[in-house]
Amino acid sequence: MSMMNLLSSMMNVFSTALLIPVMFLLSLLVFLSLIQLGEFLSEYTKRHRDWNNLEANCKKLENDLRNSDFTEASRALENIKQNYMVTSFARDASKYLKEKHLPAIERLSQEYEIQMAKRLEHTKITSTIGPMLGLMGTLIPLGPALIGLSAGDLETLAQNLMIAFATTVVGLFAAGIGYVLTQVRRRWYWEDMSDIDYILDTIEEKI
């Protein structure tokens, strides 16, 4: 057996062995994408951006800091009711504001930005991996399908083509969900970071 035939046989065995893991990963990816969709819908129902509330409490925060009343200023932060990330940041920042620990508040805003990036990573990975696995699931069965075609085995041909088409559809389905969720969440988190920066700027100007 020539070296070329040996390498070709090894690669064929290796690629064929990947079919079952690829199909398993695609099934898992679809399951995860549906979970992500459920989390997204839950997050959507809880989102509440009240600019009037934010503006009023930031003005109170500004006045309290001007008067060096850090206790009332921290209460103004606690009264901010926005989306989860913004409300949570304001509540955590109020603890540091009582201690006049501004670097900790700046560090806190960076931590929240990292949290948002991590949440985006999950759906971004789904939207990226889905087409890759779908393409692998499409190409791997084509070899046996062509062999079946050359041998006149239409049953083998049809079975492998069904696998190829199914994996493509499943991969694109999961990727589509991941892509849409990533884009919408990116806009949401831009809004949240804008509100957090507004709070942070209000504090920094008066301390």
N, C-alpha and C. Protein backbone atom coordinates (compact mmCIF):
# COMPACT_ATOMS: atom_id res chain seq x y z
N MET A 1 0.85 -1.20 0.00
CA MET A 1 0.00 0.00 0.00
C MET A 1 0.89 1.25 0.00
N SER A 2 0.62 2.15 -0.90
CA SER A 2 1.42 3.36 -0.99
C SER A 2 1.12 4.29 0.19
N MET A 3 2.03 5.22 0.39
CA MET A 3 1.87 6.18 1.48
C MET A 3 0.60 7.00 1.30
N MET A 4 0.29 7.38 0.06
CA MET A 4 -0.91 8.17 -0.20
C MET A 4 -2.17 7.40 0.16
N ASN A 5 -2.21 6.13 -0.21
CA ASN A 5 -3.38 5.31 0.12
C ASN A 5 -3.51 5.11 1.62
N LEU A 6 -2.37 4.95 2.28
CA LEU A 6 -2.39 4.77 3.73
C LEU A 6 -2.92 6.01 4.43
N LEU A 7 -2.41 7.18 4.02
CA LEU A 7 -2.88 8.43 4.62
C LEU A 7 -4.36 8.67 4.32
N SER A 8 -4.76 8.35 3.10
CA SER A 8 -6.16 8.53 2.72
C SER A 8 -7.07 7.64 3.55
N SER A 9 -6.64 6.40 3.78
CA SER A 9 -7.45 5.48 4.58
C SER A 9 -7.53 5.94 6.03
N MET A 10 -6.41 6.42 6.57
CA MET A 10 -6.39 6.90 7.95
C MET A 10 -7.30 8.11 8.12
N MET A 11 -7.24 9.04 7.19
CA MET A 11 -8.08 10.23 7.28
C MET A 11 -9.55 9.87 7.11
N ASN A 12 -9.84 8.90 6.26
CA ASN A 12 -11.22 8.48 6.06
C ASN A 12 -11.79 7.84 7.33
N VAL A 13 -10.97 6.99 7.97
CA VAL A 13 -11.41 6.36 9.21
C VAL A 13 -11.61 7.41 10.30
N PHE A 14 -10.68 8.35 10.37
CA PHE A 14 -10.76 9.39 11.39
C PHE A 14 -11.99 10.27 11.20
N SER A 15 -12.23 10.70 9.96
CA SER A 15 -13.38 11.57 9.70
C SER A 15 -14.69 10.84 9.93
N THR A 16 -14.74 9.56 9.54
CA THR A 16 -15.96 8.78 9.76
C THR A 16 -16.24 8.60 11.24
N ALA A 17 -15.16 8.43 12.02
CA ALA A 17 -15.32 8.25 13.46
C ALA A 17 -15.84 9.52 14.14
N LEU A 18 -15.67 10.66 13.48
CA LEU A 18 -16.13 11.92 14.06
C LEU A 18 -17.63 12.15 13.89
N LEU A 19 -18.28 11.37 13.05
CA LEU A 19 -19.68 11.64 12.74
C LEU A 19 -20.58 11.56 13.97
N ILE A 20 -20.43 10.49 14.74
CA ILE A 20 -21.29 10.33 15.93
C ILE A 20 -21.03 11.44 16.95
N PRO A 21 -19.75 11.76 17.28
CA PRO A 21 -19.52 12.90 18.19
C PRO A 21 -20.10 14.21 17.67
N VAL A 22 -19.99 14.44 16.36
CA VAL A 22 -20.53 15.67 15.78
C VAL A 22 -22.04 15.71 15.94
N MET A 23 -22.70 14.60 15.66
CA MET A 23 -24.16 14.55 15.80
C MET A 23 -24.58 14.73 17.26
N PHE A 24 -23.80 14.16 18.17
CA PHE A 24 -24.09 14.32 19.59
C PHE A 24 -23.93 15.78 20.01
N LEU A 25 -22.84 16.40 19.56
CA LEU A 25 -22.60 17.80 19.91
C LEU A 25 -23.66 18.72 19.31
N LEU A 26 -24.11 18.41 18.12
CA LEU A 26 -25.18 19.21 17.51
C LEU A 26 -26.47 19.10 18.30
N SER A 27 -26.79 17.89 18.74
CA SER A 27 -27.99 17.70 19.56
C SER A 27 -27.88 18.47 20.86
N LEU A 28 -26.68 18.42 21.46
CA LEU A 28 -26.45 19.16 22.70
C LEU A 28 -26.53 20.66 22.46
N LEU A 29 -26.01 21.10 21.32
CA LEU A 29 -26.02 22.53 21.00
C LEU A 29 -27.44 23.05 20.82
N VAL A 30 -28.29 22.25 20.18
CA VAL A 30 -29.69 22.66 20.02
C VAL A 30 -30.37 22.75 21.38
N PHE A 31 -30.09 21.78 22.24
CA PHE A 31 -30.67 21.79 23.59
C PHE A 31 -30.22 23.03 24.35
N LEU A 32 -28.93 23.35 24.26
CA LEU A 32 -28.41 24.54 24.95
C LEU A 32 -28.98 25.82 24.36
N SER A 33 -29.15 25.85 23.05
CA SER A 33 -29.70 27.06 22.42
C SER A 33 -31.14 27.30 22.86
N LEU A 34 -31.90 26.23 23.06
CA LEU A 34 -33.27 26.39 23.55
C LEU A 34 -33.28 26.88 25.00
N ILE A 35 -32.32 26.40 25.79
CA ILE A 35 -32.19 26.90 27.17
C ILE A 35 -31.84 28.39 27.14
N GLN A 36 -30.90 28.76 26.27
CA GLN A 36 -30.51 30.16 26.14
C GLN A 36 -31.70 31.02 25.70
N LEU A 37 -32.53 30.47 24.83
CA LEU A 37 -33.71 31.21 24.39
C LEU A 37 -34.67 31.43 25.55
N GLY A 38 -34.83 30.41 26.39
CA GLY A 38 -35.68 30.56 27.57
C GLY A 38 -35.14 31.60 28.53
N GLU A 39 -33.82 31.58 28.75
CA GLU A 39 -33.19 32.58 29.62
C GLU A 39 -33.36 33.99 29.05
N PHE A 40 -33.25 34.08 27.74
CA PHE A 40 -33.40 35.37 27.06
C PHE A 40 -34.81 35.92 27.26
N LEU A 41 -35.82 35.07 27.08
CA LEU A 41 -37.20 35.52 27.25
C LEU A 41 -37.47 35.92 28.70
N SER A 42 -36.88 35.17 29.63
CA SER A 42 -37.04 35.52 31.04
C SER A 42 -36.39 36.87 31.35
N GLU A 43 -35.20 37.09 30.79
CA GLU A 43 -34.51 38.36 30.99
C GLU A 43 -35.29 39.51 30.35
N TYR A 44 -35.89 39.24 29.20
CA TYR A 44 -36.65 40.28 28.50
C TYR A 44 -37.84 40.76 29.33
N THR A 45 -38.53 39.81 29.97
CA THR A 45 -39.70 40.18 30.77
C THR A 45 -39.33 40.99 32.01
N LYS A 46 -38.07 40.88 32.44
CA LYS A 46 -37.64 41.57 33.66
C LYS A 46 -36.94 42.90 33.38
N ARG A 47 -36.70 43.18 32.12
CA ARG A 47 -35.99 44.42 31.81
C ARG A 47 -36.91 45.62 31.99
N HIS A 48 -36.37 46.62 32.66
CA HIS A 48 -37.16 47.82 32.95
C HIS A 48 -36.21 49.00 33.02
N ARG A 49 -36.20 49.80 31.98
CA ARG A 49 -35.31 50.96 31.95
C ARG A 49 -36.14 52.23 32.16
N ASP A 50 -36.00 52.81 33.34
CA ASP A 50 -36.77 54.00 33.71
C ASP A 50 -35.80 55.19 33.79
N TRP A 51 -35.76 55.96 32.72
CA TRP A 51 -34.82 57.08 32.68
C TRP A 51 -35.15 58.13 33.73
N ASN A 52 -36.42 58.36 33.99
CA ASN A 52 -36.81 59.36 34.98
C ASN A 52 -36.31 58.98 36.37
N ASN A 53 -36.42 57.70 36.70
CA ASN A 53 -35.93 57.23 37.99
C ASN A 53 -34.42 57.41 38.09
N LEU A 54 -33.71 57.07 37.03
CA LEU A 54 -32.26 57.20 37.03
C LEU A 54 -31.84 58.66 37.14
N GLU A 55 -32.49 59.52 36.38
CA GLU A 55 -32.14 60.94 36.38
C GLU A 55 -32.41 61.58 37.74
N ALA A 56 -33.56 61.26 38.33
CA ALA A 56 -33.93 61.85 39.61
C ALA A 56 -32.96 61.42 40.71
N ASN A 57 -32.61 60.15 40.74
CA ASN A 57 -31.72 59.67 41.79
C ASN A 57 -30.28 60.13 41.57
N CYS A 58 -29.88 60.29 40.32
CA CYS A 58 -28.54 60.81 40.06
C CYS A 58 -28.44 62.29 40.45
N LYS A 59 -29.52 63.04 40.27
CA LYS A 59 -29.52 64.44 40.72
C LYS A 59 -29.44 64.51 42.24
N LYS A 60 -30.20 63.62 42.90
CA LYS A 60 -30.13 63.58 44.36
C LYS A 60 -28.74 63.15 44.81
N LEU A 61 -28.18 62.19 44.11
CA LEU A 61 -26.82 61.74 44.41
C LEU A 61 -25.83 62.89 44.27
N GLU A 62 -25.99 63.67 43.22
CA GLU A 62 -25.09 64.80 42.99
C GLU A 62 -25.21 65.84 44.10
N ASN A 63 -26.43 66.14 44.51
CA ASN A 63 -26.63 67.13 45.58
C ASN A 63 -26.09 66.63 46.91
N ASP A 64 -26.32 65.36 47.20
CA ASP A 64 -25.83 64.80 48.47
C ASP A 64 -24.31 64.78 48.52
N LEU A 65 -23.69 64.46 47.40
CA LEU A 65 -22.23 64.45 47.36
C LEU A 65 -21.67 65.86 47.47
N ARG A 66 -22.38 66.82 46.89
CA ARG A 66 -21.95 68.22 47.00
C ARG A 66 -21.96 68.67 48.46
N ASN A 67 -22.93 68.13 49.22
CA ASN A 67 -23.04 68.46 50.64
C ASN A 67 -22.24 67.50 51.53
N SER A 68 -21.49 66.60 50.89
CA SER A 68 -20.67 65.61 51.60
C SER A 68 -21.51 64.71 52.50
N ASP A 69 -22.74 64.47 52.10
CA ASP A 69 -23.62 63.57 52.85
C ASP A 69 -23.59 62.20 52.16
N PHE A 70 -22.61 61.39 52.53
CA PHE A 70 -22.41 60.12 51.84
C PHE A 70 -23.46 59.08 52.21
N THR A 71 -24.06 59.22 53.37
CA THR A 71 -25.12 58.28 53.76
C THR A 71 -26.34 58.44 52.87
N GLU A 72 -26.77 59.69 52.68
CA GLU A 72 -27.91 59.94 51.80
C GLU A 72 -27.56 59.65 50.34
N ALA A 73 -26.31 59.90 49.98
CA ALA A 73 -25.88 59.61 48.61
C ALA A 73 -25.96 58.11 48.32
N SER A 74 -25.57 57.31 49.30
CA SER A 74 -25.64 55.85 49.12
C SER A 74 -27.10 55.39 49.05
N ARG A 75 -27.97 56.07 49.77
CA ARG A 75 -29.40 55.74 49.69
C ARG A 75 -29.97 56.07 48.31
N ALA A 76 -29.47 57.16 47.74
CA ALA A 76 -29.91 57.52 46.39
C ALA A 76 -29.52 56.43 45.39
N LEU A 77 -28.35 55.86 45.58
CA LEU A 77 -27.93 54.76 44.71
C LEU A 77 -28.83 53.54 44.92
N GLU A 78 -29.16 53.27 46.17
CA GLU A 78 -30.01 52.10 46.46
C GLU A 78 -31.41 52.27 45.89
N ASN A 79 -31.85 53.51 45.68
CA ASN A 79 -33.19 53.76 45.15
C ASN A 79 -33.27 53.69 43.63
N ILE A 80 -32.13 53.50 42.99
CA ILE A 80 -32.13 53.37 41.53
C ILE A 80 -32.72 52.03 41.14
N LYS A 81 -33.78 52.06 40.37
CA LYS A 81 -34.47 50.85 39.92
C LYS A 81 -34.45 50.81 38.39
N GLN A 82 -33.54 50.03 37.87
CA GLN A 82 -33.40 49.91 36.42
C GLN A 82 -33.35 48.43 36.05
N ASN A 83 -32.69 48.12 34.96
CA ASN A 83 -32.46 46.74 34.60
C ASN A 83 -31.57 46.08 35.65
N TYR A 84 -31.58 44.76 35.67
CA TYR A 84 -30.91 44.03 36.75
C TYR A 84 -29.46 44.46 36.94
N MET A 85 -28.70 44.53 35.86
CA MET A 85 -27.28 44.85 35.98
C MET A 85 -27.07 46.24 36.59
N VAL A 86 -27.84 47.20 36.14
CA VAL A 86 -27.69 48.58 36.63
C VAL A 86 -28.11 48.67 38.09
N THR A 87 -29.24 48.06 38.43
CA THR A 87 -29.72 48.09 39.81
C THR A 87 -28.73 47.40 40.74
N SER A 88 -28.21 46.27 40.30
CA SER A 88 -27.25 45.53 41.11
C SER A 88 -25.96 46.33 41.29
N PHE A 89 -25.50 46.99 40.22
CA PHE A 89 -24.30 47.82 40.33
C PHE A 89 -24.52 48.96 41.32
N ALA A 90 -25.66 49.63 41.21
CA ALA A 90 -25.94 50.76 42.10
C ALA A 90 -25.99 50.31 43.55
N ARG A 91 -26.58 49.15 43.79
CA ARG A 91 -26.67 48.64 45.15
C ARG A 91 -25.28 48.30 45.71
N ASP A 92 -24.46 47.67 44.89
CA ASP A 92 -23.10 47.33 45.33
C ASP A 92 -22.24 48.58 45.49
N ALA A 93 -22.42 49.54 44.58
CA ALA A 93 -21.62 50.76 44.65
C ALA A 93 -21.95 51.59 45.88
N SER A 94 -23.20 51.49 46.35
CA SER A 94 -23.60 52.28 47.52
C SER A 94 -22.79 51.89 48.76
N LYS A 95 -22.40 50.62 48.84
CA LYS A 95 -21.62 50.17 49.99
C LYS A 95 -20.23 50.82 49.99
N TYR A 96 -19.64 50.91 48.80
CA TYR A 96 -18.32 51.53 48.71
C TYR A 96 -18.40 53.05 48.86
N LEU A 97 -19.52 53.62 48.43
CA LEU A 97 -19.66 55.07 48.53
C LEU A 97 -19.69 55.52 49.98
N LYS A 98 -20.31 54.72 50.84
CA LYS A 98 -20.33 55.06 52.27
C LYS A 98 -18.91 55.14 52.82
N GLU A 99 -18.03 54.31 52.26
CA GLU A 99 -16.64 54.28 52.72
C GLU A 99 -15.76 55.26 51.94
N LYS A 100 -16.36 55.99 50.99
CA LYS A 100 -15.63 56.94 50.14
C LYS A 100 -14.51 56.24 49.37
N HIS A 101 -14.80 55.04 48.93
CA HIS A 101 -13.79 54.22 48.26
C HIS A 101 -14.08 54.23 46.76
N LEU A 102 -13.68 55.31 46.09
CA LEU A 102 -13.97 55.49 44.67
C LEU A 102 -13.28 54.46 43.78
N PRO A 103 -12.01 54.12 44.01
CA PRO A 103 -11.37 53.10 43.14
C PRO A 103 -12.13 51.77 43.13
N ALA A 104 -12.74 51.43 44.26
CA ALA A 104 -13.51 50.18 44.32
C ALA A 104 -14.75 50.26 43.44
N ILE A 105 -15.35 51.45 43.36
CA ILE A 105 -16.53 51.63 42.50
C ILE A 105 -16.13 51.52 41.03
N GLU A 106 -14.99 52.10 40.68
CA GLU A 106 -14.51 51.99 39.30
C GLU A 106 -14.21 50.54 38.95
N ARG A 107 -13.59 49.85 39.90
CA ARG A 107 -13.30 48.43 39.70
C ARG A 107 -14.59 47.63 39.56
N LEU A 108 -15.59 48.01 40.32
CA LEU A 108 -16.89 47.33 40.27
C LEU A 108 -17.53 47.47 38.89
N SER A 109 -17.43 48.66 38.31
CA SER A 109 -18.01 48.86 36.97
C SER A 109 -17.31 47.98 35.94
N GLN A 110 -16.01 47.80 36.10
CA GLN A 110 -15.27 46.92 35.19
C GLN A 110 -15.70 45.47 35.36
N GLU A 111 -15.97 45.07 36.60
CA GLU A 111 -16.42 43.71 36.85
C GLU A 111 -17.78 43.45 36.20
N TYR A 112 -18.65 44.43 36.26
CA TYR A 112 -19.96 44.27 35.63
C TYR A 112 -19.84 44.21 34.11
N GLU A 113 -18.91 44.96 33.58
CA GLU A 113 -18.68 44.90 32.13
C GLU A 113 -18.17 43.51 31.73
N ILE A 114 -17.33 42.93 32.57
CA ILE A 114 -16.83 41.57 32.31
C ILE A 114 -17.97 40.56 32.39
N GLN A 115 -18.86 40.74 33.36
CA GLN A 115 -20.02 39.84 33.48
C GLN A 115 -20.88 39.89 32.22
N MET A 116 -21.09 41.08 31.70
CA MET A 116 -21.89 41.22 30.48
C MET A 116 -21.20 40.53 29.31
N ALA A 117 -19.88 40.70 29.23
CA ALA A 117 -19.13 40.06 28.14
C ALA A 117 -19.22 38.54 28.23
N LYS A 118 -19.18 38.01 29.46
CA LYS A 118 -19.29 36.57 29.64
C LYS A 118 -20.65 36.05 29.18
N ARG A 119 -21.70 36.79 29.48
CA ARG A 119 -23.03 36.36 29.08
C ARG A 119 -23.17 36.39 27.56
N LEU A 120 -22.51 37.34 26.93
CA LEU A 120 -22.55 37.39 25.47
C LEU A 120 -21.75 36.25 24.84
N GLU A 121 -20.71 35.80 25.55
CA GLU A 121 -19.86 34.74 25.01
C GLU A 121 -20.65 33.46 24.78
N HIS A 122 -21.58 33.15 25.67
CA HIS A 122 -22.32 31.89 25.57
C HIS A 122 -23.07 31.79 24.24
N THR A 123 -23.85 32.82 23.93
CA THR A 123 -24.63 32.77 22.69
C THR A 123 -23.73 33.00 21.47
N LYS A 124 -22.65 33.75 21.65
CA LYS A 124 -21.73 33.96 20.53
C LYS A 124 -21.05 32.66 20.14
N ILE A 125 -20.68 31.86 21.14
CA ILE A 125 -20.07 30.56 20.86
C ILE A 125 -21.06 29.66 20.13
N THR A 126 -22.32 29.70 20.56
CA THR A 126 -23.35 28.89 19.90
C THR A 126 -23.49 29.28 18.43
N SER A 127 -23.51 30.58 18.17
CA SER A 127 -23.67 31.05 16.78
C SER A 127 -22.45 30.75 15.93
N THR A 128 -21.30 30.57 16.55
CA THR A 128 -20.07 30.28 15.80
C THR A 128 -19.88 28.79 15.59
N ILE A 129 -20.11 28.01 16.65
CA ILE A 129 -19.87 26.57 16.59
C ILE A 129 -20.94 25.86 15.76
N GLY A 130 -22.18 26.37 15.79
CA GLY A 130 -23.28 25.71 15.09
C GLY A 130 -22.99 25.44 13.61
N PRO A 131 -22.63 26.47 12.83
CA PRO A 131 -22.33 26.22 11.41
C PRO A 131 -21.12 25.31 11.20
N MET A 132 -20.13 25.40 12.10
CA MET A 132 -18.94 24.55 11.96
C MET A 132 -19.31 23.07 12.12
N LEU A 133 -20.08 22.78 13.17
CA LEU A 133 -20.50 21.39 13.37
C LEU A 133 -21.46 20.94 12.27
N GLY A 134 -22.32 21.87 11.83
CA GLY A 134 -23.24 21.53 10.75
C GLY A 134 -22.50 21.19 9.47
N LEU A 135 -21.43 21.95 9.18
CA LEU A 135 -20.64 21.68 7.98
C LEU A 135 -19.92 20.34 8.10
N MET A 136 -19.38 20.05 9.28
CA MET A 136 -18.72 18.76 9.48
C MET A 136 -19.73 17.62 9.31
N GLY A 137 -20.92 17.81 9.88
CA GLY A 137 -21.95 16.78 9.76
C GLY A 137 -22.45 16.62 8.34
N THR A 138 -22.25 17.64 7.52
CA THR A 138 -22.64 17.56 6.11
C THR A 138 -21.59 16.84 5.28
N LEU A 139 -20.33 17.18 5.51
CA LEU A 139 -19.25 16.65 4.68
C LEU A 139 -18.90 15.20 5.00
N ILE A 140 -18.95 14.83 6.28
CA ILE A 140 -18.53 13.48 6.67
C ILE A 140 -19.35 12.39 5.97
N PRO A 141 -20.70 12.50 5.93
CA PRO A 141 -21.47 11.42 5.28
C PRO A 141 -21.37 11.42 3.75
N LEU A 142 -20.83 12.49 3.17
CA LEU A 142 -20.77 12.54 1.71
C LEU A 142 -19.84 11.46 1.13
N GLY A 143 -18.78 11.12 1.89
CA GLY A 143 -17.88 10.06 1.42
C GLY A 143 -18.60 8.73 1.27
N PRO A 144 -19.23 8.23 2.35
CA PRO A 144 -20.00 6.98 2.21
C PRO A 144 -21.13 7.09 1.19
N ALA A 145 -21.72 8.29 1.07
CA ALA A 145 -22.80 8.47 0.10
C ALA A 145 -22.29 8.29 -1.33
N LEU A 146 -21.12 8.85 -1.61
CA LEU A 146 -20.54 8.71 -2.96
C LEU A 146 -20.13 7.27 -3.24
N ILE A 147 -19.63 6.60 -2.19
CA ILE A 147 -19.29 5.18 -2.36
C ILE A 147 -20.54 4.37 -2.67
N GLY A 148 -21.62 4.67 -1.94
CA GLY A 148 -22.88 3.98 -2.20
C GLY A 148 -23.41 4.26 -3.59
N LEU A 149 -23.22 5.51 -4.05
CA LEU A 149 -23.67 5.86 -5.40
C LEU A 149 -22.90 5.09 -6.46
N SER A 150 -21.59 4.99 -6.26
CA SER A 150 -20.76 4.27 -7.25
C SER A 150 -21.07 2.78 -7.27
N ALA A 151 -21.50 2.26 -6.10
CA ALA A 151 -21.82 0.83 -6.02
C ALA A 151 -23.28 0.55 -6.36
N GLY A 152 -24.05 1.59 -6.62
CA GLY A 152 -25.46 1.41 -6.93
C GLY A 152 -26.31 1.14 -5.71
N ASP A 153 -25.77 1.44 -4.51
CA ASP A 153 -26.50 1.22 -3.26
C ASP A 153 -27.27 2.50 -2.92
N LEU A 154 -28.48 2.59 -3.42
CA LEU A 154 -29.26 3.81 -3.22
C LEU A 154 -29.70 4.00 -1.77
N GLU A 155 -29.86 2.91 -1.05
CA GLU A 155 -30.27 3.02 0.35
C GLU A 155 -29.19 3.71 1.18
N THR A 156 -27.93 3.28 0.97
CA THR A 156 -26.81 3.92 1.67
C THR A 156 -26.68 5.38 1.27
N LEU A 157 -26.86 5.64 -0.02
CA LEU A 157 -26.79 7.02 -0.52
C LEU A 157 -27.85 7.89 0.15
N ALA A 158 -29.09 7.41 0.17
CA ALA A 158 -30.18 8.19 0.74
C ALA A 158 -29.99 8.41 2.24
N GLN A 159 -29.55 7.37 2.94
CA GLN A 159 -29.37 7.48 4.39
C GLN A 159 -28.31 8.52 4.75
N ASN A 160 -27.20 8.50 4.03
CA ASN A 160 -26.12 9.45 4.33
C ASN A 160 -26.49 10.87 3.92
N LEU A 161 -27.24 11.01 2.83
CA LEU A 161 -27.67 12.35 2.43
C LEU A 161 -28.66 12.93 3.44
N MET A 162 -29.51 12.07 4.01
CA MET A 162 -30.44 12.54 5.04
C MET A 162 -29.68 13.05 6.26
N ILE A 163 -28.62 12.33 6.64
CA ILE A 163 -27.79 12.78 7.76
C ILE A 163 -27.13 14.11 7.44
N ALA A 164 -26.62 14.23 6.22
CA ALA A 164 -25.93 15.46 5.81
C ALA A 164 -26.87 16.65 5.85
N PHE A 165 -28.07 16.50 5.31
CA PHE A 165 -29.02 17.61 5.29
C PHE A 165 -29.51 17.94 6.69
N ALA A 166 -29.75 16.90 7.50
CA ALA A 166 -30.28 17.13 8.85
C ALA A 166 -29.27 17.89 9.71
N THR A 167 -28.01 17.50 9.64
CA THR A 167 -26.99 18.17 10.46
C THR A 167 -26.82 19.63 10.03
N THR A 168 -26.96 19.89 8.74
CA THR A 168 -26.87 21.28 8.27
C THR A 168 -27.99 22.13 8.85
N VAL A 169 -29.20 21.59 8.78
CA VAL A 169 -30.36 22.34 9.28
C VAL A 169 -30.25 22.56 10.79
N VAL A 170 -29.87 21.52 11.52
CA VAL A 170 -29.76 21.63 12.98
C VAL A 170 -28.69 22.64 13.37
N GLY A 171 -27.54 22.58 12.69
CA GLY A 171 -26.47 23.52 13.00
C GLY A 171 -26.86 24.96 12.73
N LEU A 172 -27.54 25.19 11.62
CA LEU A 172 -27.97 26.55 11.29
C LEU A 172 -29.07 27.03 12.24
N PHE A 173 -29.92 26.12 12.66
CA PHE A 173 -30.99 26.47 13.61
C PHE A 173 -30.40 26.97 14.92
N ALA A 174 -29.45 26.21 15.47
CA ALA A 174 -28.81 26.61 16.73
C ALA A 174 -28.03 27.91 16.56
N ALA A 175 -27.33 28.02 15.42
CA ALA A 175 -26.54 29.23 15.17
C ALA A 175 -27.44 30.45 15.02
N GLY A 176 -28.59 30.27 14.37
CA GLY A 176 -29.51 31.39 14.19
C GLY A 176 -30.02 31.93 15.52
N ILE A 177 -30.37 31.01 16.42
CA ILE A 177 -30.81 31.44 17.75
C ILE A 177 -29.69 32.18 18.47
N GLY A 178 -28.49 31.61 18.43
CA GLY A 178 -27.36 32.24 19.10
C GLY A 178 -27.04 33.62 18.55
N TYR A 179 -27.14 33.76 17.23
CA TYR A 179 -26.81 35.04 16.60
C TYR A 179 -27.82 36.12 17.00
N VAL A 180 -29.10 35.80 16.94
CA VAL A 180 -30.13 36.78 17.29
C VAL A 180 -30.00 37.20 18.75
N LEU A 181 -29.82 36.22 19.64
CA LEU A 181 -29.71 36.53 21.06
C LEU A 181 -28.48 37.39 21.34
N THR A 182 -27.39 37.10 20.64
CA THR A 182 -26.16 37.88 20.84
C THR A 182 -26.36 39.33 20.43
N GLN A 183 -26.99 39.55 19.29
CA GLN A 183 -27.18 40.91 18.79
C GLN A 183 -28.10 41.72 19.71
N VAL A 184 -29.19 41.11 20.14
CA VAL A 184 -30.14 41.84 21.00
C VAL A 184 -29.52 42.11 22.36
N ARG A 185 -28.86 41.10 22.92
CA ARG A 185 -28.24 41.29 24.23
C ARG A 185 -27.12 42.32 24.16
N ARG A 186 -26.39 42.38 23.08
CA ARG A 186 -25.33 43.37 22.95
C ARG A 186 -25.91 44.78 23.07
N ARG A 187 -27.05 45.00 22.43
CA ARG A 187 -27.70 46.32 22.54
C ARG A 187 -28.18 46.57 23.96
N TRP A 188 -28.76 45.54 24.58
CA TRP A 188 -29.20 45.69 25.97
C TRP A 188 -28.04 46.09 26.86
N TYR A 189 -26.92 45.42 26.74
CA TYR A 189 -25.80 45.66 27.64
C TYR A 189 -25.10 46.97 27.33
N TRP A 190 -25.18 47.43 26.09
CA TRP A 190 -24.70 48.78 25.80
C TRP A 190 -25.52 49.80 26.58
N GLU A 191 -26.83 49.61 26.61
CA GLU A 191 -27.70 50.51 27.37
C GLU A 191 -27.35 50.45 28.85
N ASP A 192 -27.15 49.24 29.37
CA ASP A 192 -26.82 49.09 30.78
C ASP A 192 -25.49 49.75 31.12
N MET A 193 -24.49 49.56 30.26
CA MET A 193 -23.19 50.18 30.53
C MET A 193 -23.27 51.69 30.41
N SER A 194 -24.13 52.17 29.53
CA SER A 194 -24.34 53.62 29.43
C SER A 194 -24.90 54.17 30.73
N ASP A 195 -25.86 53.47 31.32
CA ASP A 195 -26.44 53.90 32.59
C ASP A 195 -25.42 53.80 33.73
N ILE A 196 -24.64 52.74 33.73
CA ILE A 196 -23.62 52.57 34.76
C ILE A 196 -22.56 53.68 34.65
N ASP A 197 -22.16 54.00 33.43
CA ASP A 197 -21.19 55.08 33.23
C ASP A 197 -21.75 56.42 33.68
N TYR A 198 -23.05 56.61 33.47
CA TYR A 198 -23.69 57.85 33.90
C TYR A 198 -23.65 57.98 35.42
N ILE A 199 -23.92 56.88 36.11
CA ILE A 199 -23.85 56.88 37.57
C ILE A 199 -22.41 57.13 38.02
N LEU A 200 -21.48 56.46 37.37
CA LEU A 200 -20.07 56.59 37.75
C LEU A 200 -19.57 58.01 37.51
N ASP A 201 -19.96 58.61 36.39
CA ASP A 201 -19.55 59.99 36.11
C ASP A 201 -20.11 60.96 37.14
N THR A 202 -21.34 60.72 37.57
CA THR A 202 -21.96 61.58 38.59
C THR A 202 -21.17 61.53 39.89
N ILE A 203 -20.73 60.33 40.25
CA ILE A 203 -19.96 60.18 41.49
C ILE A 203 -18.59 60.82 41.36
N GLU A 204 -17.92 60.58 40.25
CA GLU A 204 -16.55 61.06 40.07
C GLU A 204 -16.48 62.58 40.02
N GLU A 205 -17.51 63.21 39.49
CA GLU A 205 -17.49 64.67 39.37
C GLU A 205 -17.58 65.36 40.73
N LYS A 206 -18.17 64.66 41.71
CA LYS A 206 -18.43 65.32 42.99
C LYS A 206 -17.52 64.84 44.12
N ILE A 207 -16.67 63.88 43.83
CA ILE A 207 -15.75 63.41 44.88
C ILE A 207 -14.34 63.92 44.60
